[in-house]
Protein backbone atom coordinates (compact mmCIF):
# COMPACT_ATOMS: atom_id res chain seq x y z
CA UNK A 1 -8.70 55.41 -33.55
CA UNK A 2 -9.01 57.32 -36.40
CA UNK A 3 -10.93 54.78 -38.12
CA UNK A 4 -13.36 54.49 -35.24
CA UNK A 5 -14.47 58.38 -35.11
CA UNK A 6 -14.17 58.24 -39.18
CA UNK A 7 -17.24 55.55 -39.25
CA UNK A 8 -19.13 57.23 -36.73
CA UNK A 9 -19.07 60.31 -38.60
CA UNK A 10 -20.18 58.44 -41.60
CA UNK A 11 -23.01 56.82 -40.21
CA UNK A 12 -24.43 60.20 -38.17
CA UNK A 13 -24.20 62.09 -42.16
CA UNK A 14 -26.02 58.77 -43.63
CA UNK A 15 -28.99 59.44 -40.71
CA UNK A 16 -29.19 62.44 -41.00
CA UNK A 17 -29.27 62.76 -44.56
CA UNK A 18 -31.36 59.57 -45.44
CA UNK A 19 -33.80 60.88 -41.98
CA UNK A 20 -36.16 63.05 -44.22
CA UNK A 21 -36.91 60.79 -46.94
CA UNK A 22 -37.46 57.97 -44.96
CA UNK A 23 -40.04 60.17 -42.88
CA UNK A 24 -41.97 61.04 -45.54
CA UNK A 25 -41.79 57.52 -47.17
CA UNK A 26 -42.82 56.40 -43.81
CA UNK A 27 -45.96 57.89 -43.48
CA UNK A 28 -47.12 57.50 -46.95
CA UNK A 29 -48.00 53.82 -45.95
CA UNK A 30 -49.87 54.58 -42.63
CA UNK A 31 -52.92 53.16 -44.24
CA UNK A 32 -51.23 49.83 -44.83
CA UNK A 33 -49.49 48.46 -42.05
CA UNK A 34 -49.10 44.87 -43.42
CA UNK A 35 -47.24 45.99 -46.02
CA UNK A 36 -45.21 48.57 -43.95
CA UNK A 37 -44.47 45.75 -41.66
CA UNK A 38 -43.54 43.14 -44.10
CA UNK A 39 -40.99 46.13 -45.77
CA UNK A 40 -39.73 46.93 -42.21
CA UNK A 41 -38.63 43.10 -42.11
CA UNK A 42 -37.55 42.72 -45.66
CA UNK A 43 -35.24 45.67 -44.95
CA UNK A 44 -34.06 44.31 -41.56
CA UNK A 45 -32.76 41.09 -43.64
CA UNK A 46 -30.91 42.60 -46.31
CA UNK A 47 -29.02 45.11 -44.07
CA UNK A 48 -28.64 42.30 -41.61
CA UNK A 49 -26.89 40.54 -44.48
CA UNK A 50 -24.60 43.18 -46.09
CA UNK A 51 -23.18 44.57 -42.71
CA UNK A 52 -22.49 41.24 -41.63
CA UNK A 53 -20.60 40.84 -44.31
CA UNK A 54 -18.91 44.62 -43.80
CA UNK A 55 -18.31 44.04 -40.18
CA UNK A 56 -16.67 41.09 -40.79
CA UNK A 57 -14.53 42.02 -43.33
CA UNK A 58 -13.48 45.47 -41.69
CA UNK A 59 -12.62 43.39 -38.54
CA UNK A 60 -10.29 41.59 -40.69
CA UNK A 61 -8.66 44.59 -42.09
CA UNK A 62 -7.62 45.95 -38.57
CA UNK A 63 -6.45 42.82 -37.32
CA UNK A 64 -4.50 42.66 -40.06
CA UNK A 65 -2.77 45.81 -39.51
CA UNK A 66 -2.09 45.76 -36.23
CA UNK A 67 -0.48 42.50 -36.33
CA UNK A 68 -3.91 40.66 -34.18
CA UNK A 69 -3.41 37.04 -34.70
CA UNK A 70 -6.94 36.22 -33.70
CA UNK A 71 -8.64 38.77 -35.70
CA UNK A 72 -9.87 36.72 -38.86
CA UNK A 73 -11.02 34.12 -36.27
CA UNK A 74 -13.27 36.00 -34.22
CA UNK A 75 -14.44 37.83 -37.32
CA UNK A 76 -15.52 34.53 -38.50
CA UNK A 77 -16.97 33.93 -35.18
CA UNK A 78 -19.34 37.46 -34.86
CA UNK A 79 -20.16 37.11 -38.65
CA UNK A 80 -23.55 34.63 -37.98
CA UNK A 81 -23.76 36.39 -35.22
CA UNK A 82 -24.12 39.89 -36.73
CA UNK A 83 -26.92 39.06 -38.96
CA UNK A 84 -28.99 37.55 -36.59
CA UNK A 85 -28.31 40.59 -34.23
CA UNK A 86 -29.39 43.08 -36.98
CA UNK A 87 -32.41 41.21 -38.45
CA UNK A 88 -34.05 40.31 -34.86
CA UNK A 89 -33.80 44.33 -33.91
CA UNK A 90 -35.59 44.83 -37.04
CA UNK A 91 -38.24 42.45 -36.54
CA UNK A 92 -38.26 43.95 -32.80
CA UNK A 93 -39.10 47.41 -34.65
CA UNK A 94 -41.88 45.44 -36.53
CA UNK A 95 -43.63 44.32 -33.35
CA UNK A 96 -43.17 47.77 -32.52
CA UNK A 97 -44.66 49.45 -35.32
CA UNK A 98 -47.33 46.40 -35.74
CA UNK A 99 -50.91 46.96 -34.23
CA UNK A 100 -51.09 43.89 -32.27
CA UNK A 101 -53.13 44.10 -28.68
CA UNK A 102 -51.37 43.94 -26.09
CA UNK A 103 -50.81 40.26 -24.51
CA UNK A 104 -49.35 39.09 -28.38
CA UNK A 105 -47.76 42.08 -28.55
CA UNK A 106 -45.80 41.55 -25.26
CA UNK A 107 -45.17 37.57 -25.91
CA UNK A 108 -43.80 38.66 -30.05
CA UNK A 109 -41.56 41.14 -28.11
CA UNK A 110 -40.44 38.74 -25.44
CA UNK A 111 -39.86 35.89 -28.08
CA UNK A 112 -37.50 38.16 -29.81
CA UNK A 113 -36.21 39.55 -27.20
CA UNK A 114 -34.82 36.46 -25.42
CA UNK A 115 -34.05 35.18 -28.65
CA UNK A 116 -31.57 38.50 -29.33
CA UNK A 117 -30.23 37.38 -25.37
CA UNK A 118 -29.07 33.69 -26.87
CA UNK A 119 -27.21 35.02 -29.92
CA UNK A 120 -25.36 37.33 -27.65
CA UNK A 121 -24.48 34.87 -25.33
CA UNK A 122 -23.67 31.82 -27.49
CA UNK A 123 -21.19 34.41 -29.32
CA UNK A 124 -20.01 35.67 -26.03
CA UNK A 125 -19.28 32.38 -24.83
CA UNK A 126 -17.68 31.28 -28.25
CA UNK A 127 -15.23 34.09 -28.12
CA UNK A 128 -14.26 32.98 -24.16
CA UNK A 129 -13.71 30.09 -25.18
CA UNK A 130 -11.18 30.93 -28.70
CA UNK A 131 -9.20 33.12 -26.34
CA UNK A 132 -9.13 30.16 -23.49
CA UNK A 133 -7.84 27.98 -26.11
CA UNK A 134 -5.28 30.41 -27.63
CA UNK A 135 -4.15 30.50 -24.41
CA UNK A 136 -3.76 27.63 -23.34
CA UNK A 137 -1.61 26.59 -26.62
CA UNK A 138 0.58 29.11 -25.31
CA UNK A 139 1.23 27.05 -21.85
CA UNK A 140 4.68 28.15 -22.03
CA UNK A 141 4.10 31.98 -21.18
CA UNK A 142 1.20 31.51 -19.31
CA UNK A 143 0.91 29.39 -16.00
CA UNK A 144 -2.38 29.74 -14.74
CA UNK A 145 -4.45 28.42 -18.53
CA UNK A 146 -2.86 24.91 -19.03
CA UNK A 147 -3.91 22.32 -21.15
CA UNK A 148 -5.21 20.66 -17.79
CA UNK A 149 -7.08 23.23 -16.25
CA UNK A 150 -8.44 24.62 -19.64
CA UNK A 151 -11.99 22.52 -18.81
CA UNK A 152 -12.30 24.56 -15.65
CA UNK A 153 -12.08 27.85 -17.16
CA UNK A 154 -14.37 26.62 -20.36
CA UNK A 155 -16.96 25.18 -17.69
CA UNK A 156 -16.74 28.17 -15.39
CA UNK A 157 -17.44 30.95 -18.29
CA UNK A 158 -20.58 28.84 -19.28
CA UNK A 159 -21.47 28.60 -15.91
CA UNK A 160 -21.31 32.53 -15.51
CA UNK A 161 -22.56 33.18 -19.15
CA UNK A 162 -25.83 30.83 -18.75
CA UNK A 163 -26.47 32.71 -15.32
CA UNK A 164 -26.67 35.76 -16.50
CA UNK A 165 -28.67 35.28 -20.30
CA UNK A 166 -31.12 33.41 -17.60
CA UNK A 167 -31.02 36.02 -15.57
CA UNK A 168 -31.93 38.04 -18.55
CA UNK A 169 -34.70 35.94 -20.23
CA UNK A 170 -36.87 35.47 -16.72
CA UNK A 171 -36.07 39.91 -16.53
CA UNK A 172 -38.03 40.01 -20.43
CA UNK A 173 -40.92 37.60 -19.39
CA UNK A 174 -40.69 40.17 -15.89
CA UNK A 175 -40.71 36.89 -13.86
CA UNK A 176 -38.78 38.16 -10.22
CA UNK A 177 -35.74 36.48 -9.82
CA UNK A 178 -35.08 37.68 -5.90
CA UNK A 179 -36.58 34.17 -4.49
CA UNK A 180 -34.97 31.96 -7.29
CA UNK A 181 -31.56 33.58 -6.18
CA UNK A 182 -31.91 33.40 -2.76
CA UNK A 183 -32.41 29.43 -3.04
CA UNK A 184 -30.13 29.24 -5.40
CA UNK A 185 -27.63 30.28 -2.76
CA UNK A 186 -28.82 28.06 0.07
CA UNK A 187 -28.22 25.56 -2.47
CA UNK A 188 -24.60 26.83 -3.45
CA UNK A 189 -23.81 26.36 -0.02
CA UNK A 190 -25.25 23.31 1.11
CA UNK A 191 -23.30 21.21 -1.70
CA UNK A 192 -20.16 23.58 -0.97
CA UNK A 193 -20.29 22.06 2.50
CA UNK A 194 -21.05 18.43 1.22
CA UNK A 195 -18.41 18.50 -1.31
CA UNK A 196 -15.06 20.75 1.05
CA UNK A 197 -12.65 17.84 0.38
CA UNK A 198 -13.12 18.03 -3.53
CA UNK A 199 -13.47 21.99 -3.27
CA UNK A 200 -10.01 22.15 -1.61
CA UNK A 201 -8.70 19.03 -4.33
CA UNK A 202 -9.93 21.44 -7.07
CA UNK A 203 -7.93 24.40 -5.75
CA UNK A 204 -5.27 22.97 -4.66
CA UNK A 205 -4.90 21.66 -8.72
CA UNK A 206 -5.26 25.18 -9.82
CA UNK A 207 -2.32 26.51 -7.41
CA UNK A 208 0.10 23.29 -8.46
CA UNK A 209 -0.91 24.14 -12.07
CA UNK A 210 -0.36 27.87 -11.51
CA UNK A 211 2.91 27.32 -9.26
CA UNK A 212 4.45 24.60 -11.70
CA UNK A 213 6.63 23.00 -8.73
CA UNK A 214 6.81 19.64 -10.79
CA UNK A 215 5.81 19.06 -14.98
CA UNK A 216 4.65 15.63 -16.90
CA UNK A 217 7.33 13.46 -16.67
CA UNK A 218 9.38 15.10 -14.02
CA UNK A 219 10.83 12.07 -11.52
CA UNK A 220 9.66 13.43 -7.81
CA UNK A 221 10.47 11.96 -4.17
CA UNK A 222 7.64 13.12 -1.48
CA UNK A 223 8.17 13.63 1.36
CA UNK A 224 6.90 9.74 2.62
CA UNK A 225 9.96 7.99 0.56
CA UNK A 226 7.13 7.47 -2.28
CA UNK A 227 9.16 8.72 -5.81
CA UNK A 228 8.00 7.94 -8.97
CA UNK A 229 7.25 9.80 -12.56
CA UNK A 230 4.68 12.29 -12.50
CA UNK A 231 2.41 10.42 -15.16
CA UNK A 232 -0.85 13.16 -14.97
CA UNK A 233 -1.41 16.23 -12.70
CA UNK A 234 -5.53 16.30 -12.97
CA UNK A 235 -7.39 19.09 -11.13
CA UNK A 236 -8.62 17.08 -8.43
CA UNK A 237 -5.59 14.88 -8.17
CA UNK A 238 -1.95 14.03 -9.23
CA UNK A 239 -0.51 10.28 -10.23
CA UNK A 240 3.01 9.06 -9.98
CA UNK A 241 4.20 6.21 -11.48
CA UNK A 242 6.33 3.78 -9.24
CA UNK A 243 9.76 1.62 -10.65
CA UNK A 244 7.59 -1.40 -10.09
CA UNK A 245 5.28 -0.16 -12.92
CA UNK A 246 2.63 1.13 -9.90
CA UNK A 247 0.27 4.22 -10.73
CA UNK A 248 -0.05 6.02 -7.37
CA UNK A 249 -3.44 8.30 -7.46
CA UNK A 250 -2.61 11.17 -5.20
CA UNK A 251 -5.16 14.17 -4.05
CA UNK A 252 -3.89 18.02 -4.91
CA UNK A 253 -4.64 18.55 -1.78
CA UNK A 254 -2.00 16.40 0.10
CA UNK A 255 0.39 17.20 -2.42
CA UNK A 256 0.77 20.67 -1.83
CA UNK A 257 1.13 20.22 1.79
CA UNK A 258 4.20 17.69 1.53
CA UNK A 259 7.88 17.96 0.85
CA UNK A 260 8.27 17.37 -3.31
CA UNK A 261 11.89 16.92 -4.78
CA UNK A 262 12.04 17.54 -7.78
CA UNK A 263 15.29 15.98 -9.50
CA UNK A 264 14.20 16.18 -13.01
CA UNK A 265 13.70 20.77 -12.64
CA UNK A 266 16.98 21.63 -12.95
CA UNK A 267 17.61 23.52 -16.14
CA UNK A 268 21.58 22.03 -16.28
CA UNK A 269 20.89 18.20 -17.54
CA UNK A 270 21.12 15.62 -15.46
CA UNK A 271 21.71 15.04 -11.85
CA UNK A 272 24.27 14.61 -9.50
CA UNK A 273 25.01 10.42 -7.04
CA UNK A 274 26.75 9.48 -4.64
CA UNK A 275 28.18 5.97 -3.50
CA UNK A 276 29.79 5.29 -0.13
CA UNK A 277 31.22 2.64 0.64
CA UNK A 278 34.18 1.24 3.12
CA UNK A 279 37.65 -0.62 3.10
CA UNK A 280 39.43 -1.97 5.49
CA UNK A 281 42.24 0.10 7.12
CA UNK A 282 45.53 0.57 5.47
CA UNK A 283 43.72 1.26 1.84
CA UNK A 284 45.69 3.45 -0.66
CA UNK A 285 43.44 6.49 -1.07
CA UNK A 286 45.04 7.46 -4.37
CA UNK A 287 44.75 3.59 -6.12
CA UNK A 288 40.93 3.57 -4.42
CA UNK A 289 40.40 6.99 -6.33
CA UNK A 290 41.94 5.66 -9.67
CA UNK A 291 39.71 2.51 -9.55
CA UNK A 292 36.01 4.19 -9.20
CA UNK A 293 37.00 7.16 -11.27
CA UNK A 294 37.69 4.25 -13.99
CA UNK A 295 34.71 2.50 -13.38
CA UNK A 296 32.53 5.53 -13.90
CA UNK A 297 34.11 6.26 -17.18
CA UNK A 298 33.26 3.39 -18.59
CA UNK A 299 29.56 3.16 -17.53
CA UNK A 300 27.09 4.42 -20.19
CA UNK A 301 24.69 6.07 -18.15
CA UNK A 302 27.35 8.12 -16.36
CA UNK A 303 27.97 12.02 -18.20
CA UNK A 304 31.37 11.96 -18.73
CA UNK A 305 31.44 16.26 -19.51
CA UNK A 306 30.42 16.24 -15.34
CA UNK A 307 33.51 15.98 -12.91
CA UNK A 308 33.63 12.83 -11.07
CA UNK A 309 35.53 13.44 -7.91
CA UNK A 310 36.05 10.66 -5.04
CA UNK A 311 36.18 11.76 -1.44
CA UNK A 312 37.58 9.99 2.07
CA UNK A 313 34.48 10.61 4.39
CA UNK A 314 35.69 8.45 7.67
CA UNK A 315 38.85 6.84 8.92
CA UNK A 316 39.76 4.93 11.79
CA UNK A 317 41.42 2.01 12.80
CA UNK A 318 38.65 -0.58 11.32
CA UNK A 319 38.07 0.88 8.15
CA UNK A 320 38.04 3.76 5.53
CA UNK A 321 35.06 5.12 4.44
CA UNK A 322 34.84 6.48 0.49
CA UNK A 323 32.62 8.45 -1.29
CA UNK A 324 32.05 8.60 -4.92
CA UNK A 325 30.84 11.52 -6.50
CA UNK A 326 29.22 11.19 -10.38
CA UNK A 327 26.70 12.94 -12.34
CA UNK A 328 23.91 10.57 -15.00
CA UNK A 329 21.65 11.62 -17.94
CA UNK A 330 18.32 11.13 -16.13
CA UNK A 331 17.03 10.46 -12.93
CA UNK A 332 14.95 7.20 -14.04
CA UNK A 333 18.36 5.69 -14.72
CA UNK A 334 19.55 6.05 -11.19
CA UNK A 335 18.65 2.71 -10.22
CA UNK A 336 20.18 1.33 -12.50
CA UNK A 337 23.09 3.11 -12.42
CA UNK A 338 24.11 2.61 -8.71
CA UNK A 339 22.99 -1.33 -9.14
CA UNK A 340 25.68 -1.44 -11.94
CA UNK A 341 28.27 0.50 -10.37
CA UNK A 342 28.15 -1.31 -7.09
CA UNK A 343 28.82 -4.43 -8.80
CA UNK A 344 31.64 -3.49 -10.55
CA UNK A 345 33.18 -1.66 -8.18
CA UNK A 346 32.75 -5.55 -5.98
CA UNK A 347 34.56 -7.57 -9.10
CA UNK A 348 37.27 -5.02 -9.19
CA UNK A 349 38.01 -5.27 -5.64
CA UNK A 350 38.14 -8.93 -5.28
CA UNK A 351 40.32 -8.78 -8.65
CA UNK A 352 42.88 -6.97 -6.48
CA UNK A 353 42.36 -8.03 -3.40
CA UNK A 354 41.63 -5.24 -1.08
CA UNK A 355 39.71 -6.09 1.64
CA UNK A 356 36.40 -5.06 2.70
CA UNK A 357 35.71 -3.36 5.92
CA UNK A 358 35.72 -5.82 8.83
CA UNK A 359 33.06 -6.01 11.08
CA UNK A 360 33.28 -4.32 14.48
CA UNK A 361 34.88 -5.76 17.32
CA UNK A 362 33.48 -5.60 20.64
CA UNK A 363 34.82 -6.52 24.09
CA UNK A 364 32.42 -7.52 27.38
CA UNK A 365 34.23 -7.18 30.47
CA UNK A 366 32.46 -9.57 33.84
CA UNK A 367 32.55 -7.44 36.75
CA UNK A 368 30.74 -9.47 39.10
CA UNK A 369 30.29 -12.82 39.17
CA UNK A 370 26.65 -14.43 40.30
CA UNK A 371 26.95 -16.97 43.27
CA UNK A 372 26.48 -20.38 42.23
CA UNK A 373 24.93 -22.24 44.74
CA UNK A 374 22.16 -21.20 46.79
CA UNK A 375 20.88 -22.70 50.26
CA UNK A 376 17.33 -23.39 50.23
CA UNK A 377 15.60 -23.74 53.64
CA UNK A 378 12.40 -25.61 53.31
CA UNK A 379 10.47 -24.50 56.99
CA UNK A 380 7.07 -26.73 56.24
CA UNK A 381 5.98 -29.95 54.04
CA UNK A 382 2.47 -28.83 52.57
CA UNK A 383 1.22 -32.60 52.65
CA UNK A 384 2.16 -35.52 54.81
CA UNK A 385 3.75 -37.38 51.36
CA UNK A 386 4.87 -36.63 48.44
CA UNK A 387 3.88 -39.60 45.49
CA UNK A 388 5.90 -39.48 42.63
CA UNK A 389 3.49 -41.29 39.84
CA UNK A 390 5.71 -41.14 37.38
CA UNK A 391 9.43 -41.90 38.17
CA UNK A 392 12.18 -43.25 35.59
CA UNK A 393 13.55 -46.73 36.01
CA UNK A 394 16.63 -46.26 37.77
CA UNK A 395 16.92 -49.87 39.72
CA UNK A 396 14.78 -51.97 37.61
CA UNK A 397 11.84 -51.95 38.48
CA UNK A 398 8.55 -49.04 37.89
CA UNK A 399 7.16 -48.57 40.98
CA UNK A 400 5.59 -45.38 41.94
CA UNK A 401 8.03 -44.66 44.64
CA UNK A 402 6.49 -42.68 48.13
CA UNK A 403 8.67 -40.18 50.08
CA UNK A 404 7.17 -40.02 53.63
CA UNK A 405 7.47 -36.70 55.47
CA UNK A 406 10.51 -36.78 57.91
CA UNK A 407 8.70 -36.17 61.73
CA UNK A 408 9.65 -32.91 62.84
CA UNK A 409 10.97 -32.97 66.28
CA UNK A 410 8.02 -32.23 69.41
CA UNK A 411 8.65 -29.03 70.50
CA UNK A 412 8.82 -29.26 74.61
CA UNK A 413 7.67 -26.64 76.77
CA UNK A 414 9.65 -25.74 80.31
CA UNK A 415 8.20 -26.32 83.69
CA UNK A 416 8.31 -23.12 84.55
CA UNK A 417 7.16 -23.78 88.10
CA UNK A 418 9.73 -26.69 88.64
CA UNK A 419 13.13 -24.58 87.58
CA UNK A 420 11.99 -21.89 90.05
CA UNK A 421 12.21 -24.39 92.63
CA UNK A 422 15.09 -25.84 91.59
CA UNK A 423 16.98 -22.88 91.75
CA UNK A 424 15.90 -21.94 94.92
CA UNK A 425 17.17 -25.07 96.67
CA UNK A 426 20.42 -24.64 94.92
CA UNK A 427 20.24 -21.14 96.49
CA UNK A 428 19.53 -22.39 99.88
């Protein structure tokens, strides 16, 4: 602050001292307009050249005193814009003091102001990109700005700076921006509604990079059962490489809405696995424990610094279930290690004649027996005769046989009048 105050006081003193001499010198050339304009332009060029170098050097010195690492780079970026800024302001003074007509005066002044806005916007955009790049390089302490999200932030800064510059340039030329801004708002709303899924993926990607639930080269398992290694985290999608060497591309919206098991995010090295198998009932647990520990000790993927445990999970009259718990170096070694241990355990159990668990025996009891014979009554024949066209040659010939329908006994009607007379005669 002391340095800035000293510079400010020095500038005020210099201006107050030189002001009377400048006014007297300027009035001397009132009748020489073109000479005065040329003199202002040349003075602006020399002042711009001198001040741009001086201010750039001053920024370097201040940054070195404050231990600001970006000071030198910012000074290099500002040297050229400072020159154009001071020189263009001098040209604006040239136009102001010139005797142009109204239209040429407005056009020349608008062009110079537009160039000045472009210079300032370009310088601001370069400084913002430099700061974003430094933040992305220091991604360990900054979770929001990552190398993957750096293009997004750069493009966002470009859009904002470009929009502001265009608005100022139109204002310089006297163009009303109200209708254009309203049209741009409606167009932006329509584009947003049409690309809502893409915007949702982009927002989810930013949140994933900020929260960092997983990183590149992490082994993850999704709620759906998909398991693999993270190969890329983009703005719209995440890429997972499975053990079959197949790359799966998943939208970030789905990744943010599912449960993820990260097997590589722990601070300590390694991951613990469990291998469960069963032997026949009556197996000595101590012998099995020693056998499993010995097999795990001879596996190169197993971490020997971490303790290995063997537990009896279950036992009954049929089998005894054991669980071997051990640690491996990396999550990608899980499949190969489990396969190798299963083969070694199986081979060792066969060598020592240790029986495996026998299948479960089930007793089935029949409480009731269905009838072996059923009586079927045929009340009527649909046709008078049944003809069997193809019949086995049981009698030496292959002629079709005809089965005649048996004659039903005719039902007789009882003469009720005759029976009544017989009953009366017997009664007498």
